[in-house]
Amino acid sequence: MRQASFYQPDAIILEVSLGEIDGLLFLKQLKSQPETQGIPVMLLTLKAKWQDLQQSWFHKSQLAAAIVNPLDPAMLAVEIAKVLGWDLD
């Protein structure tokens, strides 16, 4: 959280399963802080499907994008560029 506040990245790609840190809790905390709530967050997870995630609270938590199974690696750069407002053409 401190790094996001200090560095103010253009976007954050967040894996739901961060090991010892709960990714969804991190997202909730990130969006609750005035200095980080404007940072676009892309959710990336290979462990869940979008249908499963829609049932939880965070689909309404200002996600810029969600990339879940099945993941098309070729489209990852396109999705990131779209979130950042970059034109790849």
N, C-alpha and C. Protein backbone atom coordinates (compact mmCIF):
# COMPACT_ATOMS: atom_id res chain seq x y z
N MET A 1 0.82 -1.18 0.00
CA MET A 1 0.00 0.00 0.00
C MET A 1 0.88 1.26 0.00
N ARG A 2 1.92 1.23 0.81
CA ARG A 2 2.81 2.40 0.88
C ARG A 2 3.50 2.66 -0.45
N GLN A 3 3.88 1.59 -1.14
CA GLN A 3 4.54 1.77 -2.42
C GLN A 3 3.61 2.39 -3.44
N ALA A 4 2.36 1.96 -3.46
CA ALA A 4 1.39 2.54 -4.40
C ALA A 4 1.17 4.00 -4.09
N SER A 5 1.12 4.34 -2.83
CA SER A 5 0.93 5.73 -2.43
C SER A 5 2.15 6.57 -2.81
N PHE A 6 3.33 6.04 -2.59
CA PHE A 6 4.57 6.77 -2.86
C PHE A 6 4.84 6.92 -4.35
N TYR A 7 4.75 5.80 -5.11
CA TYR A 7 5.12 5.81 -6.53
C TYR A 7 4.01 6.26 -7.46
N GLN A 8 2.75 6.17 -7.03
CA GLN A 8 1.61 6.55 -7.86
C GLN A 8 1.71 5.96 -9.27
N PRO A 9 1.67 4.63 -9.40
CA PRO A 9 1.80 4.00 -10.71
C PRO A 9 0.64 4.35 -11.63
N ASP A 10 0.87 4.20 -12.93
CA ASP A 10 -0.19 4.44 -13.93
C ASP A 10 -1.35 3.47 -13.74
N ALA A 11 -1.03 2.25 -13.34
CA ALA A 11 -2.04 1.22 -13.11
C ALA A 11 -1.41 0.12 -12.25
N ILE A 12 -2.27 -0.70 -11.67
CA ILE A 12 -1.81 -1.84 -10.89
C ILE A 12 -2.47 -3.08 -11.46
N ILE A 13 -1.67 -4.11 -11.72
CA ILE A 13 -2.18 -5.42 -12.11
C ILE A 13 -2.13 -6.26 -10.85
N LEU A 14 -3.28 -6.70 -10.39
CA LEU A 14 -3.39 -7.35 -9.09
C LEU A 14 -3.86 -8.79 -9.25
N GLU A 15 -3.07 -9.71 -8.74
CA GLU A 15 -3.46 -11.11 -8.67
C GLU A 15 -4.30 -11.30 -7.40
N VAL A 16 -5.40 -11.99 -7.53
CA VAL A 16 -6.29 -12.19 -6.38
C VAL A 16 -5.58 -12.97 -5.28
N SER A 17 -4.85 -14.00 -5.65
CA SER A 17 -4.16 -14.85 -4.68
C SER A 17 -2.72 -14.39 -4.55
N LEU A 18 -2.46 -13.56 -3.56
CA LEU A 18 -1.12 -13.02 -3.38
C LEU A 18 -0.31 -13.82 -2.36
N GLY A 19 -0.76 -14.99 -2.00
CA GLY A 19 -0.07 -15.78 -1.00
C GLY A 19 -0.46 -15.34 0.39
N GLU A 20 0.47 -14.70 1.09
CA GLU A 20 0.19 -14.30 2.47
C GLU A 20 -0.70 -13.06 2.56
N ILE A 21 -0.90 -12.37 1.45
CA ILE A 21 -1.76 -11.18 1.44
C ILE A 21 -3.02 -11.50 0.64
N ASP A 22 -4.17 -11.14 1.16
CA ASP A 22 -5.43 -11.32 0.45
C ASP A 22 -5.56 -10.20 -0.59
N GLY A 23 -5.55 -10.56 -1.86
CA GLY A 23 -5.61 -9.57 -2.94
C GLY A 23 -6.87 -8.72 -2.91
N LEU A 24 -7.98 -9.33 -2.53
CA LEU A 24 -9.24 -8.58 -2.48
C LEU A 24 -9.25 -7.59 -1.33
N LEU A 25 -8.66 -7.98 -0.22
CA LEU A 25 -8.54 -7.05 0.90
C LEU A 25 -7.61 -5.89 0.54
N PHE A 26 -6.51 -6.21 -0.15
CA PHE A 26 -5.60 -5.17 -0.62
C PHE A 26 -6.34 -4.19 -1.54
N LEU A 27 -7.14 -4.72 -2.46
CA LEU A 27 -7.90 -3.87 -3.38
C LEU A 27 -8.86 -2.95 -2.61
N LYS A 28 -9.54 -3.52 -1.64
CA LYS A 28 -10.48 -2.73 -0.84
C LYS A 28 -9.74 -1.61 -0.10
N GLN A 29 -8.59 -1.92 0.47
CA GLN A 29 -7.80 -0.90 1.18
C GLN A 29 -7.27 0.14 0.21
N LEU A 30 -6.82 -0.29 -0.94
CA LEU A 30 -6.29 0.63 -1.96
C LEU A 30 -7.35 1.64 -2.38
N LYS A 31 -8.56 1.16 -2.59
CA LYS A 31 -9.65 2.04 -3.04
C LYS A 31 -10.23 2.89 -1.92
N SER A 32 -9.89 2.57 -0.67
CA SER A 32 -10.40 3.36 0.45
C SER A 32 -9.49 4.54 0.81
N GLN A 33 -8.29 4.57 0.25
CA GLN A 33 -7.33 5.63 0.56
C GLN A 33 -7.40 6.73 -0.52
N PRO A 34 -7.57 7.98 -0.12
CA PRO A 34 -7.68 9.07 -1.11
C PRO A 34 -6.48 9.16 -2.06
N GLU A 35 -5.29 8.86 -1.56
CA GLU A 35 -4.10 8.99 -2.40
C GLU A 35 -3.92 7.85 -3.40
N THR A 36 -4.66 6.76 -3.23
CA THR A 36 -4.51 5.63 -4.16
C THR A 36 -5.81 5.24 -4.85
N GLN A 37 -6.94 5.81 -4.46
CA GLN A 37 -8.21 5.37 -5.02
C GLN A 37 -8.36 5.67 -6.51
N GLY A 38 -7.59 6.60 -7.05
CA GLY A 38 -7.69 6.93 -8.46
C GLY A 38 -6.82 6.07 -9.37
N ILE A 39 -5.99 5.21 -8.79
CA ILE A 39 -5.12 4.35 -9.60
C ILE A 39 -5.96 3.23 -10.19
N PRO A 40 -5.97 3.09 -11.52
CA PRO A 40 -6.73 2.00 -12.14
C PRO A 40 -6.15 0.64 -11.73
N VAL A 41 -7.02 -0.29 -11.40
CA VAL A 41 -6.60 -1.63 -11.00
C VAL A 41 -7.18 -2.65 -11.96
N MET A 42 -6.30 -3.48 -12.49
CA MET A 42 -6.71 -4.61 -13.32
C MET A 42 -6.56 -5.86 -12.49
N LEU A 43 -7.60 -6.62 -12.39
CA LEU A 43 -7.57 -7.87 -11.67
C LEU A 43 -7.11 -8.97 -12.62
N LEU A 44 -6.12 -9.73 -12.20
CA LEU A 44 -5.61 -10.84 -12.99
C LEU A 44 -5.64 -12.08 -12.12
N THR A 45 -6.34 -13.11 -12.55
CA THR A 45 -6.33 -14.35 -11.79
C THR A 45 -6.53 -15.54 -12.72
N LEU A 46 -5.77 -16.56 -12.46
CA LEU A 46 -5.91 -17.79 -13.21
C LEU A 46 -6.67 -18.83 -12.40
N LYS A 47 -6.99 -18.49 -11.16
CA LYS A 47 -7.64 -19.46 -10.27
C LYS A 47 -9.15 -19.34 -10.24
N ALA A 48 -9.68 -18.28 -10.78
CA ALA A 48 -11.13 -18.09 -10.71
C ALA A 48 -11.69 -17.76 -12.08
N LYS A 49 -12.94 -17.98 -12.23
CA LYS A 49 -13.64 -17.62 -13.46
C LYS A 49 -14.50 -16.39 -13.18
N TRP A 50 -14.76 -15.58 -14.21
CA TRP A 50 -15.49 -14.34 -14.02
C TRP A 50 -16.85 -14.57 -13.37
N GLN A 51 -17.52 -15.67 -13.74
CA GLN A 51 -18.83 -15.95 -13.16
C GLN A 51 -18.71 -16.09 -11.64
N ASP A 52 -17.64 -16.71 -11.17
CA ASP A 52 -17.43 -16.87 -9.73
C ASP A 52 -17.18 -15.52 -9.07
N LEU A 53 -16.42 -14.68 -9.72
CA LEU A 53 -16.04 -13.40 -9.14
C LEU A 53 -17.20 -12.41 -9.11
N GLN A 54 -18.13 -12.54 -10.03
CA GLN A 54 -19.27 -11.63 -10.06
C GLN A 54 -20.14 -11.77 -8.82
N GLN A 55 -20.05 -12.90 -8.16
CA GLN A 55 -20.86 -13.12 -6.97
C GLN A 55 -20.30 -12.39 -5.76
N SER A 56 -19.06 -11.95 -5.84
CA SER A 56 -18.44 -11.31 -4.68
C SER A 56 -18.54 -9.79 -4.76
N TRP A 57 -18.16 -9.13 -3.69
CA TRP A 57 -18.33 -7.68 -3.56
C TRP A 57 -17.50 -6.88 -4.54
N PHE A 58 -16.34 -7.39 -4.95
CA PHE A 58 -15.40 -6.52 -5.63
C PHE A 58 -15.71 -6.25 -7.09
N HIS A 59 -16.70 -6.91 -7.67
CA HIS A 59 -16.99 -6.58 -9.07
C HIS A 59 -17.55 -5.16 -9.18
N LYS A 60 -17.89 -4.56 -8.05
CA LYS A 60 -18.40 -3.19 -8.03
C LYS A 60 -17.37 -2.23 -7.44
N SER A 61 -16.15 -2.67 -7.29
CA SER A 61 -15.16 -1.89 -6.55
C SER A 61 -14.23 -1.07 -7.44
N GLN A 62 -14.73 -0.57 -8.53
CA GLN A 62 -13.97 0.33 -9.39
C GLN A 62 -12.79 -0.35 -10.07
N LEU A 63 -12.98 -1.61 -10.45
CA LEU A 63 -11.95 -2.29 -11.23
C LEU A 63 -11.92 -1.70 -12.63
N ALA A 64 -10.72 -1.47 -13.14
CA ALA A 64 -10.58 -1.00 -14.51
C ALA A 64 -10.80 -2.14 -15.49
N ALA A 65 -10.43 -3.35 -15.09
CA ALA A 65 -10.59 -4.53 -15.93
C ALA A 65 -10.39 -5.77 -15.08
N ALA A 66 -10.89 -6.88 -15.58
CA ALA A 66 -10.66 -8.17 -14.94
C ALA A 66 -10.24 -9.16 -16.00
N ILE A 67 -9.12 -9.79 -15.78
CA ILE A 67 -8.62 -10.80 -16.71
C ILE A 67 -8.58 -12.11 -15.95
N VAL A 68 -9.46 -13.04 -16.35
CA VAL A 68 -9.60 -14.30 -15.63
C VAL A 68 -9.57 -15.45 -16.63
N ASN A 69 -9.67 -16.65 -16.10
CA ASN A 69 -9.69 -17.84 -16.95
C ASN A 69 -10.87 -17.80 -17.91
N PRO A 70 -10.73 -18.20 -19.12
CA PRO A 70 -9.47 -18.56 -19.76
C PRO A 70 -8.71 -17.31 -20.20
N LEU A 71 -7.44 -17.28 -19.93
CA LEU A 71 -6.59 -16.13 -20.23
C LEU A 71 -5.96 -16.29 -21.61
N ASP A 72 -6.06 -15.26 -22.40
CA ASP A 72 -5.40 -15.23 -23.71
C ASP A 72 -4.17 -14.34 -23.56
N PRO A 73 -2.97 -14.94 -23.42
CA PRO A 73 -1.76 -14.16 -23.19
C PRO A 73 -1.50 -13.11 -24.27
N ALA A 74 -1.93 -13.38 -25.48
CA ALA A 74 -1.72 -12.43 -26.57
C ALA A 74 -2.52 -11.16 -26.38
N MET A 75 -3.60 -11.25 -25.62
CA MET A 75 -4.46 -10.08 -25.41
C MET A 75 -4.11 -9.29 -24.16
N LEU A 76 -3.17 -9.77 -23.35
CA LEU A 76 -2.84 -9.11 -22.11
C LEU A 76 -2.34 -7.68 -22.35
N ALA A 77 -1.44 -7.50 -23.29
CA ALA A 77 -0.93 -6.16 -23.60
C ALA A 77 -2.04 -5.26 -24.11
N VAL A 78 -2.95 -5.81 -24.89
CA VAL A 78 -4.07 -5.03 -25.42
C VAL A 78 -4.97 -4.56 -24.28
N GLU A 79 -5.27 -5.44 -23.34
CA GLU A 79 -6.11 -5.09 -22.19
C GLU A 79 -5.45 -4.00 -21.35
N ILE A 80 -4.16 -4.14 -21.10
CA ILE A 80 -3.44 -3.14 -20.32
C ILE A 80 -3.44 -1.80 -21.04
N ALA A 81 -3.17 -1.81 -22.32
CA ALA A 81 -3.17 -0.56 -23.10
C ALA A 81 -4.54 0.10 -23.08
N LYS A 82 -5.59 -0.71 -23.15
CA LYS A 82 -6.95 -0.18 -23.12
C LYS A 82 -7.22 0.54 -21.79
N VAL A 83 -6.81 -0.06 -20.68
CA VAL A 83 -7.01 0.53 -19.37
C VAL A 83 -6.25 1.86 -19.26
N LEU A 84 -5.06 1.90 -19.83
CA LEU A 84 -4.23 3.11 -19.75
C LEU A 84 -4.61 4.15 -20.80
N GLY A 85 -5.53 3.79 -21.70
CA GLY A 85 -5.96 4.74 -22.73
C GLY A 85 -4.97 4.89 -23.86
N TRP A 86 -4.11 3.89 -24.04
CA TRP A 86 -3.12 3.94 -25.11
C TRP A 86 -3.73 3.40 -26.39
N ASP A 87 -3.40 4.00 -27.51
CA ASP A 87 -3.84 3.54 -28.82
C ASP A 87 -2.73 2.70 -29.44
N LEU A 88 -2.97 1.42 -29.65
CA LEU A 88 -1.96 0.52 -30.19
C LEU A 88 -1.96 0.47 -31.71
N ASP A 89 -2.88 1.18 -32.33
CA ASP A 89 -2.92 1.14 -33.80
C ASP A 89 -1.86 2.00 -34.43
